[in-house]
Amino acid sequence: MGRLNRSRKRRDEMNKIKKARYEKKELIRLKKTLGLIDADGNEIIKDITDVAEVKTSKELKREAKSKEEQELIYEHEENQEQGQQVATLNENTGKEHVYNSKTLKDQYGNYPPWFKNRKTAKRLRKKQHSQKKNFKQAWTTVNVPL
């Protein structure tokens, strides 16, 4: 059986009124917790900028981009440094592998058995992109094909 629309409309109207009343109370309660209003209801701080720093979504995206750029630059510089040679013996084959501590590759160009390709594929793509010939700082990971 269907519900009566008339009673639903009345309920919605009453809920709107109740919601408006509770929003005012909630706003006052929030201001008290932030310290913008004292116990009597008098405003202490008129600007929220003194309490919190307001940022737009564009500013947050720019900051994230700059962090990614810094990571790329750091990885590029890190790759330029020479790593240490670490020799390990493979128990299954009996061959000795000499791994580079920076690139994690052995003398044959292979990664160690614990190295998971799926997990680190994104990081490797970023690293390879940063090593390209015409790498520019403005050109960031947003445009890198994943």
C-alpha atoms as a PDB file:
ATOM      1  CA  MET A   1       0.000   0.000   0.000  1.00  0.00           C
ATOM      2  CA  GLY A   2       1.156   3.484  -0.767  1.00  0.00           C
ATOM      3  CA  ARG A   3       1.646   6.229   1.764  1.00  0.00           C
ATOM      4  CA  LEU A   4      -0.461   9.320   1.895  1.00  0.00           C
ATOM      5  CA  ASN A   5       1.350  12.244   0.299  1.00  0.00           C
ATOM      6  CA  ARG A   6      -0.513  14.744   2.429  1.00  0.00           C
ATOM      7  CA  SER A   7       0.915  13.490   5.713  1.00  0.00           C
ATOM      8  CA  ARG A   8       4.366  13.199   4.196  1.00  0.00           C
ATOM      9  CA  LYS A   9       4.230  16.831   3.046  1.00  0.00           C
ATOM     10  CA  ARG A  10       3.216  17.968   6.522  1.00  0.00           C
ATOM     11  CA  ARG A  11       6.027  15.942   8.070  1.00  0.00           C
ATOM     12  CA  ASP A  12       8.562  17.441   5.635  1.00  0.00           C
ATOM     13  CA  GLU A  13       7.406  20.968   6.435  1.00  0.00           C
ATOM     14  CA  MET A  14       7.694  20.360  10.166  1.00  0.00           C
ATOM     15  CA  ASN A  15      11.107  18.791   9.721  1.00  0.00           C
ATOM     16  CA  LYS A  16      12.312  21.852   7.769  1.00  0.00           C
ATOM     17  CA  ILE A  17      11.238  24.125  10.601  1.00  0.00           C
ATOM     18  CA  LYS A  18      12.879  21.888  13.182  1.00  0.00           C
ATOM     19  CA  LYS A  19      16.078  21.686  11.120  1.00  0.00           C
ATOM     20  CA  ALA A  20      16.324  25.470  10.827  1.00  0.00           C
ATOM     21  CA  ARG A  21      15.922  25.816  14.599  1.00  0.00           C
ATOM     22  CA  TYR A  22      18.567  23.192  15.350  1.00  0.00           C
ATOM     23  CA  GLU A  23      21.013  24.697  12.821  1.00  0.00           C
ATOM     24  CA  LYS A  24      21.021  27.972  14.760  1.00  0.00           C
ATOM     25  CA  LYS A  25      21.694  26.156  18.030  1.00  0.00           C
ATOM     26  CA  GLU A  26      24.410  24.028  16.443  1.00  0.00           C
ATOM     27  CA  LEU A  27      26.139  27.080  14.982  1.00  0.00           C
ATOM     28  CA  ILE A  28      26.232  28.723  18.413  1.00  0.00           C
ATOM     29  CA  ARG A  29      27.586  25.524  19.963  1.00  0.00           C
ATOM     30  CA  LEU A  30      30.321  25.278  17.295  1.00  0.00           C
ATOM     31  CA  LYS A  31      31.357  28.888  17.807  1.00  0.00           C
ATOM     32  CA  LYS A  32      31.622  28.288  21.555  1.00  0.00           C
ATOM     33  CA  THR A  33      33.864  25.267  21.033  1.00  0.00           C
ATOM     34  CA  LEU A  34      36.114  27.230  18.671  1.00  0.00           C
ATOM     35  CA  GLY A  35      36.305  30.105  21.127  1.00  0.00           C
ATOM     36  CA  LEU A  36      34.651  32.646  18.861  1.00  0.00           C
ATOM     37  CA  ILE A  37      31.877  33.302  21.392  1.00  0.00           C
ATOM     38  CA  ASP A  38      32.028  33.469  25.185  1.00  0.00           C
ATOM     39  CA  ALA A  39      29.429  31.862  27.500  1.00  0.00           C
ATOM     40  CA  ASP A  40      27.117  34.904  27.321  1.00  0.00           C
ATOM     41  CA  GLY A  41      26.969  34.829  23.506  1.00  0.00           C
ATOM     42  CA  ASN A  42      29.199  37.866  22.880  1.00  0.00           C
ATOM     43  CA  GLU A  43      31.561  37.593  19.908  1.00  0.00           C
ATOM     44  CA  ILE A  44      35.236  37.506  20.836  1.00  0.00           C
ATOM     45  CA  ILE A  45      36.830  37.031  17.420  1.00  0.00           C
ATOM     46  CA  LYS A  46      35.119  38.440  14.365  1.00  0.00           C
ATOM     47  CA  ASP A  47      37.346  36.935  11.661  1.00  0.00           C
ATOM     48  CA  ILE A  48      37.720  33.197  11.280  1.00  0.00           C
ATOM     49  CA  THR A  49      41.074  33.786   9.550  1.00  0.00           C
ATOM     50  CA  ASP A  50      42.598  34.287  13.033  1.00  0.00           C
ATOM     51  CA  VAL A  51      41.463  30.808  14.062  1.00  0.00           C
ATOM     52  CA  ALA A  52      41.850  28.715  10.915  1.00  0.00           C
ATOM     53  CA  GLU A  53      43.434  29.041   7.513  1.00  0.00           C
ATOM     54  CA  VAL A  54      40.829  28.743   4.774  1.00  0.00           C
ATOM     55  CA  LYS A  55      41.986  27.235   1.487  1.00  0.00           C
ATOM     56  CA  THR A  56      40.164  26.589  -1.745  1.00  0.00           C
ATOM     57  CA  SER A  57      40.288  23.287  -3.587  1.00  0.00           C
ATOM     58  CA  LYS A  58      42.523  24.838  -6.264  1.00  0.00           C
ATOM     59  CA  GLU A  59      45.100  25.847  -3.660  1.00  0.00           C
ATOM     60  CA  LEU A  60      45.079  22.343  -2.190  1.00  0.00           C
ATOM     61  CA  LYS A  61      45.585  20.842  -5.664  1.00  0.00           C
ATOM     62  CA  ARG A  62      48.496  23.205  -6.330  1.00  0.00           C
ATOM     63  CA  GLU A  63      50.148  22.177  -3.064  1.00  0.00           C
ATOM     64  CA  ALA A  64      49.712  18.500  -3.938  1.00  0.00           C
ATOM     65  CA  LYS A  65      51.258  19.125  -7.372  1.00  0.00           C
ATOM     66  CA  SER A  66      54.222  20.928  -5.842  1.00  0.00           C
ATOM     67  CA  LYS A  67      54.757  18.018  -3.432  1.00  0.00           C
ATOM     68  CA  GLU A  68      54.749  15.569  -6.336  1.00  0.00           C
ATOM     69  CA  GLU A  69      57.219  17.753  -8.210  1.00  0.00           C
ATOM     70  CA  GLN A  70      59.501  17.796  -5.174  1.00  0.00           C
ATOM     71  CA  GLU A  71      59.276  14.008  -4.942  1.00  0.00           C
ATOM     72  CA  LEU A  72      60.215  13.695  -8.604  1.00  0.00           C
ATOM     73  CA  ILE A  73      63.154  16.042  -8.211  1.00  0.00           C
ATOM     74  CA  TYR A  74      64.307  14.197  -5.097  1.00  0.00           C
ATOM     75  CA  GLU A  75      64.100  10.830  -6.836  1.00  0.00           C
ATOM     76  CA  HIS A  76      65.944  12.249  -9.854  1.00  0.00           C
ATOM     77  CA  GLU A  77      68.756  13.551  -7.630  1.00  0.00           C
ATOM     78  CA  GLU A  78      68.785  10.296  -5.699  1.00  0.00           C
ATOM     79  CA  ASN A  79      69.141   8.355  -8.928  1.00  0.00           C
ATOM     80  CA  GLN A  80      72.127  10.480  -9.945  1.00  0.00           C
ATOM     81  CA  GLU A  81      73.992   9.343  -6.834  1.00  0.00           C
ATOM     82  CA  GLN A  82      75.918   6.105  -7.074  1.00  0.00           C
ATOM     83  CA  GLY A  83      74.642   3.251  -4.942  1.00  0.00           C
ATOM     84  CA  GLN A  84      76.629   0.660  -3.063  1.00  0.00           C
ATOM     85  CA  GLN A  85      77.225  -2.781  -4.522  1.00  0.00           C
ATOM     86  CA  VAL A  86      75.771  -5.567  -2.380  1.00  0.00           C
ATOM     87  CA  ALA A  87      76.606  -9.164  -3.249  1.00  0.00           C
ATOM     88  CA  THR A  88      74.168 -11.965  -2.391  1.00  0.00           C
ATOM     89  CA  LEU A  89      74.145 -15.650  -3.181  1.00  0.00           C
ATOM     90  CA  ASN A  90      71.031 -17.194  -4.713  1.00  0.00           C
ATOM     91  CA  GLU A  91      70.339 -20.434  -2.840  1.00  0.00           C
ATOM     92  CA  ASN A  92      68.280 -22.016  -5.645  1.00  0.00           C
ATOM     93  CA  THR A  93      70.684 -21.471  -8.540  1.00  0.00           C
ATOM     94  CA  GLY A  94      73.958 -21.038  -6.641  1.00  0.00           C
ATOM     95  CA  LYS A  95      74.858 -17.881  -8.603  1.00  0.00           C
ATOM     96  CA  GLU A  96      76.129 -14.729  -6.971  1.00  0.00           C
ATOM     97  CA  HIS A  97      74.140 -11.557  -7.712  1.00  0.00           C
ATOM     98  CA  VAL A  98      75.608  -8.105  -7.182  1.00  0.00           C
ATOM     99  CA  TYR A  99      72.790  -5.629  -6.466  1.00  0.00           C
ATOM    100  CA  ASN A 100      73.001  -1.849  -6.620  1.00  0.00           C
ATOM    101  CA  SER A 101      71.455  -0.334  -3.484  1.00  0.00           C
ATOM    102  CA  LYS A 102      69.935   2.625  -5.388  1.00  0.00           C
ATOM    103  CA  THR A 103      68.494   0.973  -8.484  1.00  0.00           C
ATOM    104  CA  LEU A 104      67.929  -2.422  -6.777  1.00  0.00           C
ATOM    105  CA  LYS A 105      69.024  -4.147  -9.989  1.00  0.00           C
ATOM    106  CA  ASP A 106      71.679  -6.831 -10.198  1.00  0.00           C
ATOM    107  CA  GLN A 107      74.416  -7.130 -12.813  1.00  0.00           C
ATOM    108  CA  TYR A 108      71.966  -8.831 -15.177  1.00  0.00           C
ATOM    109  CA  GLY A 109      69.410  -6.010 -14.890  1.00  0.00           C
ATOM    110  CA  ASN A 110      66.943  -8.044 -12.821  1.00  0.00           C
ATOM    111  CA  TYR A 111      65.251  -7.062  -9.576  1.00  0.00           C
ATOM    112  CA  PRO A 112      65.518  -9.154  -6.393  1.00  0.00           C
ATOM    113  CA  PRO A 113      62.841 -11.803  -5.765  1.00  0.00           C
ATOM    114  CA  TRP A 114      61.162  -9.780  -2.972  1.00  0.00           C
ATOM    115  CA  PHE A 115      60.702  -6.804  -5.303  1.00  0.00           C
ATOM    116  CA  LYS A 116      57.018  -6.571  -6.336  1.00  0.00           C
ATOM    117  CA  ASN A 117      56.459  -4.997  -9.748  1.00  0.00           C
ATOM    118  CA  ARG A 118      52.804  -4.117  -9.282  1.00  0.00           C
ATOM    119  CA  LYS A 119      53.449  -2.306  -6.048  1.00  0.00           C
ATOM    120  CA  THR A 120      56.266  -0.131  -7.333  1.00  0.00           C
ATOM    121  CA  ALA A 121      55.259   0.341 -10.965  1.00  0.00           C
ATOM    122  CA  LYS A 122      53.924   3.848 -10.378  1.00  0.00           C
ATOM    123  CA  ARG A 123      57.085   4.951  -8.596  1.00  0.00           C
ATOM    124  CA  LEU A 124      59.242   3.546 -11.361  1.00  0.00           C
ATOM    125  CA  ARG A 125      57.197   5.327 -14.034  1.00  0.00           C
ATOM    126  CA  LYS A 126      57.655   8.614 -12.216  1.00  0.00           C
ATOM    127  CA  LYS A 127      61.370   7.976 -11.942  1.00  0.00           C
ATOM    128  CA  GLN A 128      61.704   7.135 -15.633  1.00  0.00           C
ATOM    129  CA  HIS A 129      59.705  10.204 -16.605  1.00  0.00           C
ATOM    130  CA  SER A 130      61.958  12.439 -14.521  1.00  0.00           C
ATOM    131  CA  GLN A 131      64.979  11.039 -16.322  1.00  0.00           C
ATOM    132  CA  LYS A 132      63.694  11.908 -19.782  1.00  0.00           C
ATOM    133  CA  LYS A 133      65.762  14.231 -21.919  1.00  0.00           C
ATOM    134  CA  ASN A 134      63.418  17.234 -21.996  1.00  0.00           C
ATOM    135  CA  PHE A 135      62.156  17.016 -18.430  1.00  0.00           C
ATOM    136  CA  LYS A 136      60.727  20.325 -17.188  1.00  0.00           C
ATOM    137  CA  GLN A 137      59.609  21.106 -13.668  1.00  0.00           C
ATOM    138  CA  ALA A 138      56.224  22.453 -14.748  1.00  0.00           C
ATOM    139  CA  TRP A 139      55.469  19.212 -16.549  1.00  0.00           C
ATOM    140  CA  THR A 140      54.337  17.093 -13.613  1.00  0.00           C
ATOM    141  CA  THR A 141      52.962  13.687 -12.818  1.00  0.00           C
ATOM    142  CA  VAL A 142      49.482  14.828 -13.805  1.00  0.00           C
ATOM    143  CA  ASN A 143      50.476  14.500 -17.440  1.00  0.00           C
ATOM    144  CA  VAL A 144      52.464  11.292 -17.030  1.00  0.00           C
ATOM    145  CA  PRO A 145      50.690   8.318 -18.596  1.00  0.00           C
ATOM    146  CA  LEU A 146      49.899   5.818 -15.883  1.00  0.00           C
END
